[in-house]
């Protein structure tokens, strides 16, 4: 009889699920997700709610849910980093939320 397959272990730290804090959970959900999925869900939310500034695409306009994620800032440029995103290992850089290794700031502004 074949043995049941176990779920594959994450290949690296970036694929390891992280627990979103309460602010980020209002946007991406409360379940732990790999950083790549957090990034994907965050951008889905931004696009769905049309929060990217149409004239200055490097800026994200915060709605009520993103205000907490962006530490109360109404507009966040791509070079800024919010505490909730830093905790999840994400950083806004060059138009994308990029995944960071543990403890790295990789050129992101705090």
PDB file of N, CA and C in Angstrom:
ATOM      1  N   UNK A   1       0.842  -1.177   0.000  1.00  0.00           N
ATOM      2  CA  UNK A   1       0.000   0.000   0.000  1.00  0.00           C
ATOM      3  C   UNK A   1       0.891   1.244   0.000  1.00  0.00           C
ATOM      4  N   UNK A   2       0.638   2.208  -0.899  1.00  0.00           N
ATOM      5  CA  UNK A   2       1.485   3.399  -0.958  1.00  0.00           C
ATOM      6  C   UNK A   2       1.288   4.275   0.279  1.00  0.00           C
ATOM      7  N   UNK A   3       2.382   4.892   0.687  1.00  0.00           N
ATOM      8  CA  UNK A   3       2.299   5.785   1.844  1.00  0.00           C
ATOM      9  C   UNK A   3       1.799   7.155   1.383  1.00  0.00           C
ATOM     10  N   UNK A   4       0.960   7.797   2.181  1.00  0.00           N
ATOM     11  CA  UNK A   4       0.445   9.108   1.784  1.00  0.00           C
ATOM     12  C   UNK A   4       1.581  10.126   1.743  1.00  0.00           C
ATOM     13  N   UNK A   5       1.498  11.015   0.753  1.00  0.00           N
ATOM     14  CA  UNK A   5       2.515  12.055   0.613  1.00  0.00           C
ATOM     15  C   UNK A   5       2.285  13.151   1.642  1.00  0.00           C
ATOM     16  N   UNK A   6       3.384  13.616   2.200  1.00  0.00           N
ATOM     17  CA  UNK A   6       3.320  14.738   3.124  1.00  0.00           C
ATOM     18  C   UNK A   6       3.384  16.022   2.312  1.00  0.00           C
ATOM     19  N   UNK A   7       2.840  17.071   2.865  1.00  0.00           N
ATOM     20  CA  UNK A   7       2.936  18.371   2.201  1.00  0.00           C
ATOM     21  C   UNK A   7       4.404  18.767   2.136  1.00  0.00           C
ATOM     22  N   UNK A   8       4.802  19.297   1.003  1.00  0.00           N
ATOM     23  CA  UNK A   8       6.187  19.698   0.827  1.00  0.00           C
ATOM     24  C   UNK A   8       6.529  20.849   1.770  1.00  0.00           C
ATOM     25  N   UNK A   9       7.692  20.752   2.359  1.00  0.00           N
ATOM     26  CA  UNK A   9       8.162  21.819   3.240  1.00  0.00           C
ATOM     27  C   UNK A   9       8.566  23.019   2.384  1.00  0.00           C
ATOM     28  N   UNK A  10       8.411  24.236   2.909  1.00  0.00           N
ATOM     29  CA  UNK A  10       8.838  25.409   2.149  1.00  0.00           C
ATOM     30  C   UNK A  10      10.309  25.289   1.754  1.00  0.00           C
ATOM     31  N   UNK A  11      10.620  25.685   0.516  1.00  0.00           N
ATOM     32  CA  UNK A  11      11.979  25.552   0.007  1.00  0.00           C
ATOM     33  C   UNK A  11      12.922  26.601   0.589  1.00  0.00           C
ATOM     34  N   UNK A  12      12.393  27.764   0.916  1.00  0.00           N
ATOM     35  CA  UNK A  12      13.232  28.811   1.486  1.00  0.00           C
ATOM     36  C   UNK A  12      12.391  29.717   2.383  1.00  0.00           C
ATOM     37  N   UNK A  13      13.052  30.677   2.994  1.00  0.00           N
ATOM     38  CA  UNK A  13      12.360  31.561   3.944  1.00  0.00           C
ATOM     39  C   UNK A  13      11.262  32.389   3.288  1.00  0.00           C
ATOM     40  N   UNK A  14      11.416  32.715   2.005  1.00  0.00           N
ATOM     41  CA  UNK A  14      10.412  33.527   1.333  1.00  0.00           C
ATOM     42  C   UNK A  14       9.126  32.764   1.073  1.00  0.00           C
ATOM     43  N   UNK A  15       9.201  31.454   1.013  1.00  0.00           N
ATOM     44  CA  UNK A  15       7.989  30.674   0.785  1.00  0.00           C
ATOM     45  C   UNK A  15       7.360  30.197   2.101  1.00  0.00           C
ATOM     46  N   UNK A  16       8.021  30.484   3.211  1.00  0.00           N
ATOM     47  CA  UNK A  16       7.482  30.111   4.512  1.00  0.00           C
ATOM     48  C   UNK A  16       6.321  31.046   4.861  1.00  0.00           C
ATOM     49  N   UNK A  17       5.176  30.519   5.255  1.00  0.00           N
ATOM     50  CA  UNK A  17       4.033  31.378   5.598  1.00  0.00           C
ATOM     51  C   UNK A  17       4.349  32.300   6.772  1.00  0.00           C
ATOM     52  N   UNK A  18       3.881  33.527   6.673  1.00  0.00           N
ATOM     53  CA  UNK A  18       4.007  34.495   7.762  1.00  0.00           C
ATOM     54  C   UNK A  18       2.611  34.923   8.187  1.00  0.00           C
ATOM     55  N   UNK A  19       2.481  35.271   9.441  1.00  0.00           N
ATOM     56  CA  UNK A  19       1.198  35.683   9.997  1.00  0.00           C
ATOM     57  C   UNK A  19       1.043  37.188   9.838  1.00  0.00           C
ATOM     58  N   UNK A  20       0.060  37.651   9.041  1.00  0.00           N
ATOM     59  CA  UNK A  20      -0.155  39.096   8.925  1.00  0.00           C
ATOM     60  C   UNK A  20      -0.608  39.674  10.266  1.00  0.00           C
ATOM     61  N   UNK A  21      -0.155  40.878  10.586  1.00  0.00           N
ATOM     62  CA  UNK A  21      -0.651  41.509  11.804  1.00  0.00           C
ATOM     63  C   UNK A  21      -2.096  41.954  11.571  1.00  0.00           C
ATOM     64  N   UNK A  22      -2.723  42.500  12.595  1.00  0.00           N
ATOM     65  CA  UNK A  22      -4.155  42.835  12.518  1.00  0.00           C
ATOM     66  C   UNK A  22      -4.447  43.828  11.393  1.00  0.00           C
ATOM     67  N   UNK A  23      -3.582  44.829  11.207  1.00  0.00           N
ATOM     68  CA  UNK A  23      -3.820  45.841  10.171  1.00  0.00           C
ATOM     69  C   UNK A  23      -3.750  45.219   8.778  1.00  0.00           C
ATOM     70  N   UNK A  24      -2.711  44.446   8.524  1.00  0.00           N
ATOM     71  CA  UNK A  24      -2.544  43.830   7.213  1.00  0.00           C
ATOM     72  C   UNK A  24      -3.608  42.755   6.973  1.00  0.00           C
ATOM     73  N   UNK A  25      -4.054  42.098   8.032  1.00  0.00           N
ATOM     74  CA  UNK A  25      -5.066  41.047   7.906  1.00  0.00           C
ATOM     75  C   UNK A  25      -6.394  41.591   7.382  1.00  0.00           C
ATOM     76  N   UNK A  26      -6.694  42.858   7.642  1.00  0.00           N
ATOM     77  CA  UNK A  26      -7.940  43.434   7.115  1.00  0.00           C
ATOM     78  C   UNK A  26      -7.907  43.529   5.590  1.00  0.00           C
ATOM     79  N   UNK A  27      -6.710  43.506   5.013  1.00  0.00           N
ATOM     80  CA  UNK A  27      -6.549  43.627   3.569  1.00  0.00           C
ATOM     81  C   UNK A  27      -6.330  42.267   2.910  1.00  0.00           C
ATOM     82  N   UNK A  28      -5.475  41.437   3.495  1.00  0.00           N
ATOM     83  CA  UNK A  28      -5.087  40.172   2.844  1.00  0.00           C
ATOM     84  C   UNK A  28      -5.705  38.937   3.487  1.00  0.00           C
ATOM     85  N   UNK A  29      -6.384  39.100   4.606  1.00  0.00           N
ATOM     86  CA  UNK A  29      -6.957  37.953   5.311  1.00  0.00           C
ATOM     87  C   UNK A  29      -6.115  37.594   6.518  1.00  0.00           C
ATOM     88  N   UNK A  30      -6.697  36.839   7.429  1.00  0.00           N
ATOM     89  CA  UNK A  30      -6.022  36.556   8.699  1.00  0.00           C
ATOM     90  C   UNK A  30      -5.138  35.324   8.669  1.00  0.00           C
ATOM     91  N   UNK A  31      -5.254  34.492   7.631  1.00  0.00           N
ATOM     92  CA  UNK A  31      -4.479  33.253   7.590  1.00  0.00           C
ATOM     93  C   UNK A  31      -3.029  33.500   7.199  1.00  0.00           C
ATOM     94  N   UNK A  32      -2.098  32.724   7.759  1.00  0.00           N
ATOM     95  CA  UNK A  32      -0.694  32.842   7.366  1.00  0.00           C
ATOM     96  C   UNK A  32      -0.535  32.536   5.871  1.00  0.00           C
ATOM     97  N   UNK A  33       0.277  33.334   5.188  1.00  0.00           N
ATOM     98  CA  UNK A  33       0.519  33.179   3.755  1.00  0.00           C
ATOM     99  C   UNK A  33       1.997  33.374   3.461  1.00  0.00           C
ATOM    100  N   UNK A  34       2.494  32.727   2.407  1.00  0.00           N
ATOM    101  CA  UNK A  34       3.858  33.039   1.967  1.00  0.00           C
ATOM    102  C   UNK A  34       3.922  34.505   1.539  1.00  0.00           C
ATOM    103  N   UNK A  35       5.094  35.088   1.610  1.00  0.00           N
ATOM    104  CA  UNK A  35       5.239  36.499   1.263  1.00  0.00           C
ATOM    105  C   UNK A  35       4.790  36.779  -0.162  1.00  0.00           C
ATOM    106  N   UNK A  36       5.022  35.841  -1.053  1.00  0.00           N
ATOM    107  CA  UNK A  36       4.600  36.041  -2.442  1.00  0.00           C
ATOM    108  C   UNK A  36       3.085  36.188  -2.538  1.00  0.00           C
ATOM    109  N   UNK A  37       2.352  35.410  -1.754  1.00  0.00           N
ATOM    110  CA  UNK A  37       0.884  35.515  -1.744  1.00  0.00           C
ATOM    111  C   UNK A  37       0.423  36.806  -1.079  1.00  0.00           C
ATOM    112  N   UNK A  38       1.122  37.231  -0.007  1.00  0.00           N
ATOM    113  CA  UNK A  38       0.785  38.503   0.627  1.00  0.00           C
ATOM    114  C   UNK A  38       0.924  39.646  -0.376  1.00  0.00           C
ATOM    115  N   UNK A  39       2.019  39.620  -1.125  1.00  0.00           N
ATOM    116  CA  UNK A  39       2.256  40.643  -2.137  1.00  0.00           C
ATOM    117  C   UNK A  39       1.146  40.621  -3.178  1.00  0.00           C
ATOM    118  N   UNK A  40       0.823  39.443  -3.650  1.00  0.00           N
ATOM    119  CA  UNK A  40      -0.220  39.294  -4.676  1.00  0.00           C
ATOM    120  C   UNK A  40      -1.564  39.816  -4.169  1.00  0.00           C
ATOM    121  N   UNK A  41      -1.944  39.439  -2.960  1.00  0.00           N
ATOM    122  CA  UNK A  41      -3.230  39.859  -2.403  1.00  0.00           C
ATOM    123  C   UNK A  41      -3.265  41.372  -2.135  1.00  0.00           C
ATOM    124  N   UNK A  42      -2.149  41.914  -1.710  1.00  0.00           N
ATOM    125  CA  UNK A  42      -2.080  43.345  -1.471  1.00  0.00           C
ATOM    126  C   UNK A  42      -2.293  44.116  -2.769  1.00  0.00           C
ATOM    127  N   UNK A  43      -1.634  43.687  -3.847  1.00  0.00           N
ATOM    128  CA  UNK A  43      -1.817  44.348  -5.143  1.00  0.00           C
ATOM    129  C   UNK A  43      -3.219  44.129  -5.699  1.00  0.00           C
ATOM    130  N   UNK A  44      -3.803  42.967  -5.482  1.00  0.00           N
ATOM    131  CA  UNK A  44      -5.187  42.737  -5.911  1.00  0.00           C
ATOM    132  C   UNK A  44      -6.112  43.748  -5.229  1.00  0.00           C
ATOM    133  N   UNK A  45      -5.889  43.955  -3.934  1.00  0.00           N
ATOM    134  CA  UNK A  45      -6.701  44.895  -3.168  1.00  0.00           C
ATOM    135  C   UNK A  45      -6.524  46.318  -3.718  1.00  0.00           C
ATOM    136  N   UNK A  46      -5.281  46.709  -3.945  1.00  0.00           N
ATOM    137  CA  UNK A  46      -4.995  48.060  -4.447  1.00  0.00           C
ATOM    138  C   UNK A  46      -5.656  48.273  -5.802  1.00  0.00           C
ATOM    139  N   UNK A  47      -5.565  47.302  -6.678  1.00  0.00           N
ATOM    140  CA  UNK A  47      -6.163  47.437  -8.010  1.00  0.00           C
ATOM    141  C   UNK A  47      -7.691  47.421  -7.945  1.00  0.00           C
ATOM    142  N   UNK A  48      -8.230  46.520  -7.146  1.00  0.00           N
ATOM    143  CA  UNK A  48      -9.689  46.407  -7.032  1.00  0.00           C
ATOM    144  C   UNK A  48     -10.307  47.717  -6.549  1.00  0.00           C
ATOM    145  N   UNK A  49      -9.630  48.376  -5.624  1.00  0.00           N
ATOM    146  CA  UNK A  49     -10.153  49.611  -5.042  1.00  0.00           C
ATOM    147  C   UNK A  49      -9.572  50.863  -5.701  1.00  0.00           C
ATOM    148  N   UNK A  50      -8.835  50.661  -6.799  1.00  0.00           N
ATOM    149  CA  UNK A  50      -8.258  51.765  -7.585  1.00  0.00           C
ATOM    150  C   UNK A  50      -7.497  52.750  -6.707  1.00  0.00           C
ATOM    151  N   UNK A  51      -6.548  52.232  -5.933  1.00  0.00           N
ATOM    152  CA  UNK A  51      -5.810  53.049  -4.977  1.00  0.00           C
ATOM    153  C   UNK A  51      -4.459  53.528  -5.494  1.00  0.00           C
ATOM    154  N   UNK A  52      -4.036  53.037  -6.641  1.00  0.00           N
ATOM    155  CA  UNK A  52      -2.794  53.536  -7.220  1.00  0.00           C
ATOM    156  C   UNK A  52      -3.098  54.862  -7.901  1.00  0.00           C
ATOM    157  N   UNK A  53      -2.327  55.879  -7.582  1.00  0.00           N
ATOM    158  CA  UNK A  53      -2.549  57.206  -8.146  1.00  0.00           C
ATOM    159  C   UNK A  53      -2.408  57.142  -9.668  1.00  0.00           C
ATOM    160  N   UNK A  54      -3.444  57.528 -10.427  1.00  0.00           N
ATOM    161  CA  UNK A  54      -3.394  57.404 -11.886  1.00  0.00           C
ATOM    162  C   UNK A  54      -2.360  58.323 -12.541  1.00  0.00           C
ATOM    163  N   UNK A  55      -2.067  59.462 -11.912  1.00  0.00           N
ATOM    164  CA  UNK A  55      -1.083  60.388 -12.482  1.00  0.00           C
ATOM    165  C   UNK A  55       0.328  60.064 -12.028  1.00  0.00           C
ATOM    166  N   UNK A  56       0.485  59.726 -10.766  1.00  0.00           N
ATOM    167  CA  UNK A  56       1.795  59.396 -10.199  1.00  0.00           C
ATOM    168  C   UNK A  56       1.752  57.942  -9.740  1.00  0.00           C
ATOM    169  N   UNK A  57       2.023  57.038 -10.654  1.00  0.00           N
ATOM    170  CA  UNK A  57       1.833  55.602 -10.410  1.00  0.00           C
ATOM    171  C   UNK A  57       2.710  55.055  -9.290  1.00  0.00           C
ATOM    172  N   UNK A  58       3.716  55.813  -8.876  1.00  0.00           N
ATOM    173  CA  UNK A  58       4.581  55.366  -7.783  1.00  0.00           C
ATOM    174  C   UNK A  58       3.917  55.582  -6.423  1.00  0.00           C
ATOM    175  N   UNK A  59       2.760  56.204  -6.399  1.00  0.00           N
ATOM    176  CA  UNK A  59       2.066  56.492  -5.148  1.00  0.00           C
ATOM    177  C   UNK A  59       0.829  55.608  -4.988  1.00  0.00           C
ATOM    178  N   UNK A  60       0.641  55.143  -3.769  1.00  0.00           N
ATOM    179  CA  UNK A  60      -0.555  54.381  -3.389  1.00  0.00           C
ATOM    180  C   UNK A  60      -1.329  55.255  -2.408  1.00  0.00           C
ATOM    181  N   UNK A  61      -2.606  55.474  -2.701  1.00  0.00           N
ATOM    182  CA  UNK A  61      -3.468  56.254  -1.817  1.00  0.00           C
ATOM    183  C   UNK A  61      -4.143  55.297  -0.853  1.00  0.00           C
ATOM    184  N   UNK A  62      -4.015  55.561   0.406  1.00  0.00           N
ATOM    185  CA  UNK A  62      -4.568  54.669   1.429  1.00  0.00           C
ATOM    186  C   UNK A  62      -6.059  54.912   1.614  1.00  0.00           C
ATOM    187  N   UNK A  63      -6.813  53.820   1.643  1.00  0.00           N
ATOM    188  CA  UNK A  63      -8.203  53.911   2.065  1.00  0.00           C
ATOM    189  C   UNK A  63      -8.228  53.631   3.564  1.00  0.00           C
ATOM    190  N   UNK A  64      -9.395  53.460   4.125  1.00  0.00           N
ATOM    191  CA  UNK A  64      -9.514  53.251   5.571  1.00  0.00           C
ATOM    192  C   UNK A  64      -8.697  52.049   6.055  1.00  0.00           C
ATOM    193  N   UNK A  65      -8.730  50.954   5.307  1.00  0.00           N
ATOM    194  CA  UNK A  65      -7.992  49.752   5.707  1.00  0.00           C
ATOM    195  C   UNK A  65      -6.480  49.924   5.568  1.00  0.00           C
ATOM    196  N   UNK A  66      -6.039  50.590   4.525  1.00  0.00           N
ATOM    197  CA  UNK A  66      -4.602  50.749   4.304  1.00  0.00           C
ATOM    198  C   UNK A  66      -3.980  51.822   5.187  1.00  0.00           C
ATOM    199  N   UNK A  67      -4.779  52.726   5.739  1.00  0.00           N
ATOM    200  CA  UNK A  67      -4.220  53.726   6.658  1.00  0.00           C
ATOM    201  C   UNK A  67      -3.470  53.062   7.807  1.00  0.00           C
ATOM    202  N   UNK A  68      -4.037  52.020   8.363  1.00  0.00           N
ATOM    203  CA  UNK A  68      -3.376  51.314   9.466  1.00  0.00           C
ATOM    204  C   UNK A  68      -2.118  50.592   8.985  1.00  0.00           C
ATOM    205  N   UNK A  69      -2.171  50.035   7.793  1.00  0.00           N
ATOM    206  CA  UNK A  69      -1.014  49.337   7.233  1.00  0.00           C
ATOM    207  C   UNK A  69       0.108  50.333   6.945  1.00  0.00           C
ATOM    208  N   UNK A  70      -0.249  51.511   6.460  1.00  0.00           N
ATOM    209  CA  UNK A  70       0.729  52.526   6.079  1.00  0.00           C
ATOM    210  C   UNK A  70       1.045  53.479   7.223  1.00  0.00           C
ATOM    211  N   UNK A  71       0.783  53.069   8.442  1.00  0.00           N
ATOM    212  CA  UNK A  71       1.138  53.838   9.635  1.00  0.00           C
ATOM    213  C   UNK A  71       0.504  55.231   9.629  1.00  0.00           C
ATOM    214  N   UNK A  72      -0.753  55.317   9.162  1.00  0.00           N
ATOM    215  CA  UNK A  72      -1.506  56.560   9.175  1.00  0.00           C
ATOM    216  C   UNK A  72      -1.241  57.495   8.008  1.00  0.00           C
ATOM    217  N   UNK A  73      -0.349  57.121   7.103  1.00  0.00           N
ATOM    218  CA  UNK A  73      -0.046  57.984   5.948  1.00  0.00           C
ATOM    219  C   UNK A  73      -1.121  57.809   4.888  1.00  0.00           C
ATOM    220  N   UNK A  74      -1.589  58.930   4.330  1.00  0.00           N
ATOM    221  CA  UNK A  74      -2.638  58.871   3.312  1.00  0.00           C
ATOM    222  C   UNK A  74      -2.098  58.485   1.944  1.00  0.00           C
ATOM    223  N   UNK A  75      -0.845  58.806   1.697  1.00  0.00           N
ATOM    224  CA  UNK A  75      -0.197  58.451   0.433  1.00  0.00           C
ATOM    225  C   UNK A  75       1.173  57.867   0.760  1.00  0.00           C
ATOM    226  N   UNK A  76       1.473  56.732   0.153  1.00  0.00           N
ATOM    227  CA  UNK A  76       2.772  56.096   0.351  1.00  0.00           C
ATOM    228  C   UNK A  76       3.419  55.930  -1.007  1.00  0.00           C
ATOM    229  N   UNK A  77       4.650  56.410  -1.130  1.00  0.00           N
ATOM    230  CA  UNK A  77       5.363  56.232  -2.390  1.00  0.00           C
ATOM    231  C   UNK A  77       6.011  54.849  -2.383  1.00  0.00           C
ATOM    232  N   UNK A  78       6.409  54.405  -3.550  1.00  0.00           N
ATOM    233  CA  UNK A  78       6.966  53.067  -3.676  1.00  0.00           C
ATOM    234  C   UNK A  78       8.263  52.886  -2.893  1.00  0.00           C
ATOM    235  N   UNK A  79       8.942  53.960  -2.551  1.00  0.00           N
ATOM    236  CA  UNK A  79      10.192  53.837  -1.803  1.00  0.00           C
ATOM    237  C   UNK A  79       9.999  53.788  -0.303  1.00  0.00           C
ATOM    238  N   UNK A  80       8.763  53.949   0.155  1.00  0.00           N
ATOM    239  CA  UNK A  80       8.497  53.942   1.591  1.00  0.00           C
ATOM    240  C   UNK A  80       8.106  52.545   2.050  1.00  0.00           C
ATOM    241  N   UNK A  81       8.289  52.322   3.307  1.00  0.00           N
ATOM    242  CA  UNK A  81       7.965  51.031   3.878  1.00  0.00           C
ATOM    243  C   UNK A  81       7.106  51.237   5.109  1.00  0.00           C
ATOM    244  N   UNK A  82       6.035  50.504   5.201  1.00  0.00           N
ATOM    245  CA  UNK A  82       5.139  50.600   6.344  1.00  0.00           C
ATOM    246  C   UNK A  82       5.480  49.505   7.356  1.00  0.00           C
ATOM    247  N   UNK A  83       5.285  49.764   8.644  1.00  0.00           N
ATOM    248  CA  UNK A  83       5.628  48.775   9.671  1.00  0.00           C
ATOM    249  C   UNK A  83       4.965  47.412   9.474  1.00  0.00           C
ATOM    250  N   UNK A  84       3.695  47.385   9.092  1.00  0.00           N
ATOM    251  CA  UNK A  84       3.009  46.106   8.909  1.00  0.00           C
ATOM    252  C   UNK A  84       3.625  45.306   7.770  1.00  0.00           C
ATOM    253  N   UNK A  85       4.050  46.013   6.716  1.00  0.00           N
ATOM    254  CA  UNK A  85       4.669  45.321   5.590  1.00  0.00           C
ATOM    255  C   UNK A  85       6.058  44.839   5.958  1.00  0.00           C
ATOM    256  N   UNK A  86       6.782  45.630   6.735  1.00  0.00           N
ATOM    257  CA  UNK A  86       8.120  45.223   7.160  1.00  0.00           C
ATOM    258  C   UNK A  86       8.035  43.965   8.009  1.00  0.00           C
ATOM    259  N   UNK A  87       7.053  43.903   8.901  1.00  0.00           N
ATOM    260  CA  UNK A  87       6.879  42.722   9.746  1.00  0.00           C
ATOM    261  C   UNK A  87       6.634  41.487   8.893  1.00  0.00           C
ATOM    262  N   UNK A  88       5.903  41.656   7.798  1.00  0.00           N
ATOM    263  CA  UNK A  88       5.612  40.528   6.913  1.00  0.00           C
ATOM    264  C   UNK A  88       6.760  40.253   5.950  1.00  0.00           C
ATOM    265  N   UNK A  89       7.833  41.058   6.029  1.00  0.00           N
ATOM    266  CA  UNK A  89       8.970  40.836   5.160  1.00  0.00           C
ATOM    267  C   UNK A  89       8.768  41.419   3.776  1.00  0.00           C
ATOM    268  N   UNK A  90       7.932  42.441   3.652  1.00  0.00           N
ATOM    269  CA  UNK A  90       7.657  43.067   2.367  1.00  0.00           C
ATOM    270  C   UNK A  90       8.119  44.517   2.394  1.00  0.00           C
ATOM    271  N   UNK A  91       8.439  45.029   1.247  1.00  0.00           N
ATOM    272  CA  UNK A  91       8.883  46.409   1.119  1.00  0.00           C
ATOM    273  C   UNK A  91       8.407  46.959  -0.208  1.00  0.00           C
ATOM    274  N   UNK A  92       8.008  48.222  -0.234  1.00  0.00           N
ATOM    275  CA  UNK A  92       7.616  48.869  -1.479  1.00  0.00           C
ATOM    276  C   UNK A  92       8.886  49.407  -2.126  1.00  0.00           C
ATOM    277  N   UNK A  93       9.182  48.949  -3.328  1.00  0.00           N
ATOM    278  CA  UNK A  93      10.401  49.372  -4.002  1.00  0.00           C
ATOM    279  C   UNK A  93      10.201  49.279  -5.501  1.00  0.00           C
ATOM    280  N   UNK A  94      10.493  50.350  -6.200  1.00  0.00           N
ATOM    281  CA  UNK A  94      10.411  50.373  -7.658  1.00  0.00           C
ATOM    282  C   UNK A  94       9.086  49.859  -8.200  1.00  0.00           C
ATOM    283  N   UNK A  95       7.999  50.264  -7.591  1.00  0.00           N
ATOM    284  CA  UNK A  95       6.687  49.938  -8.117  1.00  0.00           C
ATOM    285  C   UNK A  95       6.144  48.589  -7.714  1.00  0.00           C
ATOM    286  N   UNK A  96       6.865  47.858  -6.904  1.00  0.00           N
ATOM    287  CA  UNK A  96       6.396  46.536  -6.487  1.00  0.00           C
ATOM    288  C   UNK A  96       6.644  46.345  -5.011  1.00  0.00           C
ATOM    289  N   UNK A  97       5.803  45.546  -4.385  1.00  0.00           N
ATOM    290  CA  UNK A  97       6.134  45.100  -3.050  1.00  0.00           C
ATOM    291  C   UNK A  97       7.102  43.960  -3.265  1.00  0.00           C
ATOM    292  N   UNK A  98       8.277  44.096  -2.744  1.00  0.00           N
ATOM    293  CA  UNK A  98       9.282  43.057  -2.926  1.00  0.00           C
ATOM    294  C   UNK A  98       9.439  42.284  -1.629  1.00  0.00           C
ATOM    295  N   UNK A  99       9.800  41.048  -1.772  1.00  0.00           N
ATOM    296  CA  UNK A  99       9.975  40.184  -0.613  1.00  0.00           C
ATOM    297  C   UNK A  99      11.401  40.322  -0.108  1.00  0.00           C
ATOM    298  N   UNK A 100      11.539  40.444   1.200  1.00  0.00           N
ATOM    299  CA  UNK A 100      12.846  40.602   1.814  1.00  0.00           C
ATOM    300  C   UNK A 100      13.209  39.365   2.599  1.00  0.00           C
ATOM    301  N   UNK A 101      14.486  39.114   2.699  1.00  0.00           N
ATOM    302  CA  UNK A 101      14.950  38.088   3.613  1.00  0.00           C
ATOM    303  C   UNK A 101      14.826  38.601   5.026  1.00  0.00           C
ATOM    304  N   UNK A 102      14.873  37.759   5.991  1.00  0.00           N
ATOM    305  CA  UNK A 102      14.713  38.147   7.394  1.00  0.00           C
ATOM    306  C   UNK A 102      15.774  39.176   7.771  1.00  0.00           C
ATOM    307  N   UNK A 103      15.322  40.281   8.356  1.00  0.00           N
ATOM    308  CA  UNK A 103      16.224  41.306   8.852  1.00  0.00           C
ATOM    309  C   UNK A 103      16.811  42.213   7.779  1.00  0.00           C
ATOM    310  N   UNK A 104      16.420  42.063   6.533  1.00  0.00           N
ATOM    311  CA  UNK A 104      16.975  42.874   5.458  1.00  0.00           C
ATOM    312  C   UNK A 104      16.101  44.085   5.212  1.00  0.00           C
ATOM    313  N   UNK A 105      16.713  45.179   4.799  1.00  0.00           N
ATOM    314  CA  UNK A 105      15.915  46.321   4.371  1.00  0.00           C
ATOM    315  C   UNK A 105      16.155  46.596   2.893  1.00  0.00           C
ATOM    316  N   UNK A 106      17.107  45.980   2.271  1.00  0.00           N
ATOM    317  CA  UNK A 106      17.357  45.969   0.828  1.00  0.00           C
ATOM    318  C   UNK A 106      17.053  47.283   0.126  1.00  0.00           C
ATOM    319  N   UNK A 107      17.510  48.383   0.694  1.00  0.00           N
ATOM    320  CA  UNK A 107      17.325  49.657   0.021  1.00  0.00           C
ATOM    321  C   UNK A 107      15.987  50.320   0.285  1.00  0.00           C
ATOM    322  N   UNK A 108      15.142  49.735   1.103  1.00  0.00           N
ATOM    323  CA  UNK A 108      13.850  50.346   1.411  1.00  0.00           C
ATOM    324  C   UNK A 108      14.043  51.450   2.435  1.00  0.00           C
ATOM    325  N   UNK A 109      13.225  52.460   2.311  1.00  0.00           N
ATOM    326  CA  UNK A 109      13.268  53.534   3.296  1.00  0.00           C
ATOM    327  C   UNK A 109      12.373  53.170   4.462  1.00  0.00           C
ATOM    328  N   UNK A 110      12.817  53.438   5.657  1.00  0.00           N
ATOM    329  CA  UNK A 110      11.993  53.129   6.813  1.00  0.00           C
ATOM    330  C   UNK A 110      11.104  54.291   7.150  1.00  0.00           C
TER     331      UNK A 110
END
